[in-house]
Amino acid sequence: KTSLELIETFEKGLDYYFNQDWEKALEYFEKSKLLEEDFSGRNTNPSQVFIKRCNHFSMNPPPDDWDGVWRMTTK
């Protein structure tokens, strides 16, 4: 398990995320989450953030003109 493997896996997840393929994105973010856990001292990691977003978008798809930006609706 290397940093390069983590980066490549996370990047594949991002590619699927921006193409709105939530299922495939989740698959890669779940894999990268396991690699990120090797870095101690964190309560969360980027993969966990995108897993939550994929779950949200799979139930609440973004508009057709979605630009990939996550818009916060609460503080």
PDB file of N, CA and C in Angstrom:
ATOM      1  N   LYS A   1       0.854  -1.180   0.000  1.00  0.00           N
ATOM      2  CA  LYS A   1       0.000   0.000   0.000  1.00  0.00           C
ATOM      3  C   LYS A   1       0.895   1.237   0.000  1.00  0.00           C
ATOM      4  N   THR A   2       0.832   1.958  -1.057  1.00  0.00           N
ATOM      5  CA  THR A   2       1.696   3.126  -1.176  1.00  0.00           C
ATOM      6  C   THR A   2       0.874   4.386  -1.379  1.00  0.00           C
ATOM      7  N   SER A   3       1.541   5.498  -1.208  1.00  0.00           N
ATOM      8  CA  SER A   3       0.883   6.782  -1.465  1.00  0.00           C
ATOM      9  C   SER A   3       0.457   6.880  -2.923  1.00  0.00           C
ATOM     10  N   LEU A   4       1.268   6.350  -3.827  1.00  0.00           N
ATOM     11  CA  LEU A   4       0.923   6.386  -5.251  1.00  0.00           C
ATOM     12  C   LEU A   4      -0.356   5.595  -5.515  1.00  0.00           C
ATOM     13  N   GLU A   5      -0.477   4.437  -4.887  1.00  0.00           N
ATOM     14  CA  GLU A   5      -1.689   3.627  -5.045  1.00  0.00           C
ATOM     15  C   GLU A   5      -2.913   4.391  -4.529  1.00  0.00           C
ATOM     16  N   LEU A   6      -2.755   5.061  -3.409  1.00  0.00           N
ATOM     17  CA  LEU A   6      -3.837   5.870  -2.846  1.00  0.00           C
ATOM     18  C   LEU A   6      -4.248   6.968  -3.813  1.00  0.00           C
ATOM     19  N   ILE A   7      -3.281   7.694  -4.329  1.00  0.00           N
ATOM     20  CA  ILE A   7      -3.563   8.806  -5.243  1.00  0.00           C
ATOM     21  C   ILE A   7      -4.260   8.308  -6.503  1.00  0.00           C
ATOM     22  N   GLU A   8      -3.756   7.233  -7.083  1.00  0.00           N
ATOM     23  CA  GLU A   8      -4.348   6.702  -8.314  1.00  0.00           C
ATOM     24  C   GLU A   8      -5.775   6.205  -8.079  1.00  0.00           C
ATOM     25  N   THR A   9      -6.001   5.553  -6.960  1.00  0.00           N
ATOM     26  CA  THR A   9      -7.333   5.031  -6.645  1.00  0.00           C
ATOM     27  C   THR A   9      -8.311   6.173  -6.400  1.00  0.00           C
ATOM     28  N   PHE A  10      -7.892   7.162  -5.620  1.00  0.00           N
ATOM     29  CA  PHE A  10      -8.749   8.311  -5.336  1.00  0.00           C
ATOM     30  C   PHE A  10      -9.061   9.078  -6.621  1.00  0.00           C
ATOM     31  N   GLU A  11      -8.060   9.225  -7.480  1.00  0.00           N
ATOM     32  CA  GLU A  11      -8.256   9.941  -8.746  1.00  0.00           C
ATOM     33  C   GLU A  11      -9.284   9.233  -9.631  1.00  0.00           C
ATOM     34  N   LYS A  12      -9.257   7.909  -9.654  1.00  0.00           N
ATOM     35  CA  LYS A  12     -10.265   7.162 -10.424  1.00  0.00           C
ATOM     36  C   LYS A  12     -11.652   7.420  -9.853  1.00  0.00           C
ATOM     37  N   GLY A  13     -11.736   7.467  -8.527  1.00  0.00           N
ATOM     38  CA  GLY A  13     -13.008   7.788  -7.889  1.00  0.00           C
ATOM     39  C   GLY A  13     -13.505   9.154  -8.302  1.00  0.00           C
ATOM     40  N   LEU A  14     -12.600  10.121  -8.350  1.00  0.00           N
ATOM     41  CA  LEU A  14     -12.977  11.474  -8.770  1.00  0.00           C
ATOM     42  C   LEU A  14     -13.469  11.499 -10.213  1.00  0.00           C
ATOM     43  N   ASP A  15     -12.803  10.748 -11.077  1.00  0.00           N
ATOM     44  CA  ASP A  15     -13.237  10.691 -12.479  1.00  0.00           C
ATOM     45  C   ASP A  15     -14.685  10.208 -12.575  1.00  0.00           C
ATOM     46  N   TYR A  16     -14.994   9.136 -11.859  1.00  0.00           N
ATOM     47  CA  TYR A  16     -16.366   8.620 -11.873  1.00  0.00           C
ATOM     48  C   TYR A  16     -17.326   9.604 -11.214  1.00  0.00           C
ATOM     49  N   TYR A  17     -16.887  10.244 -10.151  1.00  0.00           N
ATOM     50  CA  TYR A  17     -17.715  11.230  -9.448  1.00  0.00           C
ATOM     51  C   TYR A  17     -18.115  12.365 -10.387  1.00  0.00           C
ATOM     52  N   PHE A  18     -17.148  12.937 -11.083  1.00  0.00           N
ATOM     53  CA  PHE A  18     -17.450  14.062 -11.970  1.00  0.00           C
ATOM     54  C   PHE A  18     -18.260  13.643 -13.196  1.00  0.00           C
ATOM     55  N   ASN A  19     -18.248  12.343 -13.494  1.00  0.00           N
ATOM     56  CA  ASN A  19     -19.093  11.821 -14.571  1.00  0.00           C
ATOM     57  C   ASN A  19     -20.422  11.283 -14.040  1.00  0.00           C
ATOM     58  N   GLN A  20     -20.683  11.533 -12.772  1.00  0.00           N
ATOM     59  CA  GLN A  20     -21.932  11.172 -12.099  1.00  0.00           C
ATOM     60  C   GLN A  20     -22.211   9.669 -12.101  1.00  0.00           C
ATOM     61  N   ASP A  21     -21.159   8.880 -12.091  1.00  0.00           N
ATOM     62  CA  ASP A  21     -21.304   7.430 -11.949  1.00  0.00           C
ATOM     63  C   ASP A  21     -21.058   7.119 -10.472  1.00  0.00           C
ATOM     64  N   TRP A  22     -22.096   7.331  -9.672  1.00  0.00           N
ATOM     65  CA  TRP A  22     -21.957   7.267  -8.212  1.00  0.00           C
ATOM     66  C   TRP A  22     -21.536   5.890  -7.734  1.00  0.00           C
ATOM     67  N   GLU A  23     -22.053   4.837  -8.361  1.00  0.00           N
ATOM     68  CA  GLU A  23     -21.729   3.473  -7.935  1.00  0.00           C
ATOM     69  C   GLU A  23     -20.238   3.177  -8.109  1.00  0.00           C
ATOM     70  N   LYS A  24     -19.700   3.491  -9.275  1.00  0.00           N
ATOM     71  CA  LYS A  24     -18.268   3.254  -9.519  1.00  0.00           C
ATOM     72  C   LYS A  24     -17.410   4.183  -8.663  1.00  0.00           C
ATOM     73  N   ALA A  25     -17.846   5.429  -8.506  1.00  0.00           N
ATOM     74  CA  ALA A  25     -17.102   6.365  -7.661  1.00  0.00           C
ATOM     75  C   ALA A  25     -17.026   5.830  -6.239  1.00  0.00           C
ATOM     76  N   LEU A  26     -18.152   5.347  -5.723  1.00  0.00           N
ATOM     77  CA  LEU A  26     -18.172   4.775  -4.371  1.00  0.00           C
ATOM     78  C   LEU A  26     -17.205   3.608  -4.249  1.00  0.00           C
ATOM     79  N   GLU A  27     -17.167   2.775  -5.268  1.00  0.00           N
ATOM     80  CA  GLU A  27     -16.267   1.621  -5.266  1.00  0.00           C
ATOM     81  C   GLU A  27     -14.814   2.072  -5.061  1.00  0.00           C
ATOM     82  N   TYR A  28     -14.404   3.085  -5.800  1.00  0.00           N
ATOM     83  CA  TYR A  28     -13.021   3.554  -5.694  1.00  0.00           C
ATOM     84  C   TYR A  28     -12.771   4.355  -4.420  1.00  0.00           C
ATOM     85  N   PHE A  29     -13.746   5.131  -3.975  1.00  0.00           N
ATOM     86  CA  PHE A  29     -13.560   5.873  -2.730  1.00  0.00           C
ATOM     87  C   PHE A  29     -13.503   4.923  -1.531  1.00  0.00           C
ATOM     88  N   GLU A  30     -14.244   3.824  -1.574  1.00  0.00           N
ATOM     89  CA  GLU A  30     -14.156   2.824  -0.499  1.00  0.00           C
ATOM     90  C   GLU A  30     -12.759   2.207  -0.472  1.00  0.00           C
ATOM     91  N   LYS A  31     -12.196   1.937  -1.648  1.00  0.00           N
ATOM     92  CA  LYS A  31     -10.839   1.390  -1.716  1.00  0.00           C
ATOM     93  C   LYS A  31      -9.816   2.398  -1.207  1.00  0.00           C
ATOM     94  N   SER A  32      -9.957   3.655  -1.631  1.00  0.00           N
ATOM     95  CA  SER A  32      -8.979   4.660  -1.200  1.00  0.00           C
ATOM     96  C   SER A  32      -9.127   4.965   0.285  1.00  0.00           C
ATOM     97  N   LYS A  33     -10.344   4.826   0.817  1.00  0.00           N
ATOM     98  CA  LYS A  33     -10.553   5.040   2.256  1.00  0.00           C
ATOM     99  C   LYS A  33      -9.697   4.072   3.064  1.00  0.00           C
ATOM    100  N   LEU A  34      -9.629   2.832   2.628  1.00  0.00           N
ATOM    101  CA  LEU A  34      -8.818   1.837   3.327  1.00  0.00           C
ATOM    102  C   LEU A  34      -7.341   2.196   3.282  1.00  0.00           C
ATOM    103  N   LEU A  35      -6.899   2.747   2.175  1.00  0.00           N
ATOM    104  CA  LEU A  35      -5.499   3.158   2.055  1.00  0.00           C
ATOM    105  C   LEU A  35      -5.219   4.395   2.901  1.00  0.00           C
ATOM    106  N   GLU A  36      -6.190   5.299   2.989  1.00  0.00           N
ATOM    107  CA  GLU A  36      -6.013   6.520   3.775  1.00  0.00           C
ATOM    108  C   GLU A  36      -5.949   6.229   5.265  1.00  0.00           C
ATOM    109  N   GLU A  37      -6.553   5.150   5.704  1.00  0.00           N
ATOM    110  CA  GLU A  37      -6.537   4.822   7.123  1.00  0.00           C
ATOM    111  C   GLU A  37      -5.133   4.530   7.632  1.00  0.00           C
ATOM    112  N   ASP A  38      -4.196   4.330   6.724  1.00  0.00           N
ATOM    113  CA  ASP A  38      -2.809   4.128   7.124  1.00  0.00           C
ATOM    114  C   ASP A  38      -2.196   5.396   7.706  1.00  0.00           C
ATOM    115  N   PHE A  39      -2.824   6.543   7.488  1.00  0.00           N
ATOM    116  CA  PHE A  39      -2.334   7.810   8.012  1.00  0.00           C
ATOM    117  C   PHE A  39      -3.068   8.089   9.317  1.00  0.00           C
ATOM    118  N   SER A  40      -2.388   7.899  10.436  1.00  0.00           N
ATOM    119  CA  SER A  40      -3.047   8.010  11.738  1.00  0.00           C
ATOM    120  C   SER A  40      -3.279   9.459  12.145  1.00  0.00           C
ATOM    121  N   GLY A  41      -4.115   9.630  13.166  1.00  0.00           N
ATOM    122  CA  GLY A  41      -4.369  10.948  13.717  1.00  0.00           C
ATOM    123  C   GLY A  41      -5.457  11.729  13.021  1.00  0.00           C
ATOM    124  N   ARG A  42      -6.256  11.067  12.198  1.00  0.00           N
ATOM    125  CA  ARG A  42      -7.331  11.757  11.479  1.00  0.00           C
ATOM    126  C   ARG A  42      -8.681  11.182  11.886  1.00  0.00           C
ATOM    127  N   ASN A  43      -9.663  12.055  12.019  1.00  0.00           N
ATOM    128  CA  ASN A  43     -11.026  11.606  12.298  1.00  0.00           C
ATOM    129  C   ASN A  43     -11.791  11.328  11.020  1.00  0.00           C
ATOM    130  N   THR A  44     -11.388  11.964   9.948  1.00  0.00           N
ATOM    131  CA  THR A  44     -12.024  11.765   8.647  1.00  0.00           C
ATOM    132  C   THR A  44     -10.938  11.848   7.586  1.00  0.00           C
ATOM    133  N   ASN A  45     -11.305  11.557   6.365  1.00  0.00           N
ATOM    134  CA  ASN A  45     -10.354  11.677   5.266  1.00  0.00           C
ATOM    135  C   ASN A  45     -11.130  12.052   4.007  1.00  0.00           C
ATOM    136  N   PRO A  46     -10.441  12.476   2.971  1.00  0.00           N
ATOM    137  CA  PRO A  46     -11.135  12.906   1.751  1.00  0.00           C
ATOM    138  C   PRO A  46     -12.069  11.842   1.169  1.00  0.00           C
ATOM    139  N   SER A  47     -11.669  10.589   1.232  1.00  0.00           N
ATOM    140  CA  SER A  47     -12.528   9.536   0.684  1.00  0.00           C
ATOM    141  C   SER A  47     -13.859   9.477   1.412  1.00  0.00           C
ATOM    142  N   GLN A  48     -13.838   9.621   2.730  1.00  0.00           N
ATOM    143  CA  GLN A  48     -15.086   9.592   3.495  1.00  0.00           C
ATOM    144  C   GLN A  48     -15.999  10.748   3.096  1.00  0.00           C
ATOM    145  N   VAL A  49     -15.423  11.907   2.832  1.00  0.00           N
ATOM    146  CA  VAL A  49     -16.208  13.064   2.399  1.00  0.00           C
ATOM    147  C   VAL A  49     -16.907  12.752   1.078  1.00  0.00           C
ATOM    148  N   PHE A  50     -16.170  12.188   0.129  1.00  0.00           N
ATOM    149  CA  PHE A  50     -16.755  11.899  -1.180  1.00  0.00           C
ATOM    150  C   PHE A  50     -17.716  10.715  -1.135  1.00  0.00           C
ATOM    151  N   ILE A  51     -17.517   9.786  -0.222  1.00  0.00           N
ATOM    152  CA  ILE A  51     -18.476   8.690  -0.051  1.00  0.00           C
ATOM    153  C   ILE A  51     -19.825   9.266   0.357  1.00  0.00           C
ATOM    154  N   LYS A  52     -19.817  10.188   1.301  1.00  0.00           N
ATOM    155  CA  LYS A  52     -21.067  10.830   1.735  1.00  0.00           C
ATOM    156  C   LYS A  52     -21.719  11.583   0.580  1.00  0.00           C
ATOM    157  N   ARG A  53     -20.923  12.260  -0.208  1.00  0.00           N
ATOM    158  CA  ARG A  53     -21.467  13.022  -1.335  1.00  0.00           C
ATOM    159  C   ARG A  53     -22.056  12.102  -2.396  1.00  0.00           C
ATOM    160  N   CYS A  54     -21.375  10.993  -2.672  1.00  0.00           N
ATOM    161  CA  CYS A  54     -21.904  10.031  -3.651  1.00  0.00           C
ATOM    162  C   CYS A  54     -23.227   9.449  -3.170  1.00  0.00           C
ATOM    163  N   ASN A  55     -23.293   9.120  -1.890  1.00  0.00           N
ATOM    164  CA  ASN A  55     -24.545   8.596  -1.341  1.00  0.00           C
ATOM    165  C   ASN A  55     -25.659   9.630  -1.462  1.00  0.00           C
ATOM    166  N   HIS A  56     -25.331  10.880  -1.197  1.00  0.00           N
ATOM    167  CA  HIS A  56     -26.319  11.954  -1.328  1.00  0.00           C
ATOM    168  C   HIS A  56     -26.797  12.078  -2.777  1.00  0.00           C
ATOM    169  N   PHE A  57     -25.851  12.152  -3.709  1.00  0.00           N
ATOM    170  CA  PHE A  57     -26.208  12.355  -5.109  1.00  0.00           C
ATOM    171  C   PHE A  57     -26.911  11.144  -5.714  1.00  0.00           C
ATOM    172  N   SER A  58     -26.632   9.953  -5.215  1.00  0.00           N
ATOM    173  CA  SER A  58     -27.337   8.787  -5.757  1.00  0.00           C
ATOM    174  C   SER A  58     -28.819   8.838  -5.398  1.00  0.00           C
ATOM    175  N   MET A  59     -29.141   9.481  -4.278  1.00  0.00           N
ATOM    176  CA  MET A  59     -30.538   9.637  -3.861  1.00  0.00           C
ATOM    177  C   MET A  59     -31.139  10.963  -4.339  1.00  0.00           C
ATOM    178  N   ASN A  60     -30.289  11.958  -4.564  1.00  0.00           N
ATOM    179  CA  ASN A  60     -30.712  13.310  -4.966  1.00  0.00           C
ATOM    180  C   ASN A  60     -29.820  13.784  -6.110  1.00  0.00           C
ATOM    181  N   PRO A  61     -30.043  13.296  -7.313  1.00  0.00           N
ATOM    182  CA  PRO A  61     -29.146  13.633  -8.427  1.00  0.00           C
ATOM    183  C   PRO A  61     -29.028  15.143  -8.644  1.00  0.00           C
ATOM    184  N   PRO A  62     -27.829  15.575  -9.006  1.00  0.00           N
ATOM    185  CA  PRO A  62     -27.646  16.997  -9.299  1.00  0.00           C
ATOM    186  C   PRO A  62     -28.323  17.357 -10.619  1.00  0.00           C
ATOM    187  N   PRO A  63     -28.495  18.654 -10.882  1.00  0.00           N
ATOM    188  CA  PRO A  63     -29.116  19.065 -12.144  1.00  0.00           C
ATOM    189  C   PRO A  63     -28.236  18.692 -13.344  1.00  0.00           C
ATOM    190  N   ASP A  64     -28.841  18.690 -14.513  1.00  0.00           N
ATOM    191  CA  ASP A  64     -28.117  18.319 -15.735  1.00  0.00           C
ATOM    192  C   ASP A  64     -26.907  19.209 -15.990  1.00  0.00           C
ATOM    193  N   ASP A  65     -26.976  20.467 -15.564  1.00  0.00           N
ATOM    194  CA  ASP A  65     -25.864  21.394 -15.804  1.00  0.00           C
ATOM    195  C   ASP A  65     -24.884  21.452 -14.627  1.00  0.00           C
ATOM    196  N   TRP A  66     -24.874  20.416 -13.793  1.00  0.00           N
ATOM    197  CA  TRP A  66     -23.995  20.351 -12.625  1.00  0.00           C
ATOM    198  C   TRP A  66     -22.545  20.530 -13.037  1.00  0.00           C
ATOM    199  N   ASP A  67     -21.842  21.391 -12.324  1.00  0.00           N
ATOM    200  CA  ASP A  67     -20.443  21.675 -12.647  1.00  0.00           C
ATOM    201  C   ASP A  67     -19.457  20.959 -11.728  1.00  0.00           C
ATOM    202  N   GLY A  68     -19.946  20.045 -10.910  1.00  0.00           N
ATOM    203  CA  GLY A  68     -19.071  19.283 -10.031  1.00  0.00           C
ATOM    204  C   GLY A  68     -18.849  19.913  -8.672  1.00  0.00           C
ATOM    205  N   VAL A  69     -19.410  21.094  -8.464  1.00  0.00           N
ATOM    206  CA  VAL A  69     -19.207  21.807  -7.203  1.00  0.00           C
ATOM    207  C   VAL A  69     -20.212  21.318  -6.171  1.00  0.00           C
ATOM    208  N   TRP A  70     -19.731  21.082  -4.963  1.00  0.00           N
ATOM    209  CA  TRP A  70     -20.595  20.720  -3.840  1.00  0.00           C
ATOM    210  C   TRP A  70     -21.003  22.009  -3.154  1.00  0.00           C
ATOM    211  N   ARG A  71     -22.280  22.258  -3.123  1.00  0.00           N
ATOM    212  CA  ARG A  71     -22.776  23.492  -2.511  1.00  0.00           C
ATOM    213  C   ARG A  71     -23.301  23.200  -1.116  1.00  0.00           C
ATOM    214  N   MET A  72     -22.708  23.864  -0.137  1.00  0.00           N
ATOM    215  CA  MET A  72     -23.132  23.709   1.249  1.00  0.00           C
ATOM    216  C   MET A  72     -24.461  24.437   1.432  1.00  0.00           C
ATOM    217  N   THR A  73     -25.409  23.773   2.070  1.00  0.00           N
ATOM    218  CA  THR A  73     -26.711  24.397   2.301  1.00  0.00           C
ATOM    219  C   THR A  73     -26.935  24.725   3.772  1.00  0.00           C
ATOM    220  N   THR A  74     -26.074  24.189   4.643  1.00  0.00           N
ATOM    221  CA  THR A  74     -26.137  24.502   6.071  1.00  0.00           C
ATOM    222  C   THR A  74     -24.734  24.784   6.573  1.00  0.00           C
ATOM    223  N   LYS A  75     -24.679  25.408   7.718  1.00  0.00           N
ATOM    224  CA  LYS A  75     -23.374  25.738   8.290  1.00  0.00           C
ATOM    225  C   LYS A  75     -23.064  24.855   9.458  1.00  0.00           C
TER     226      LYS A  75
END
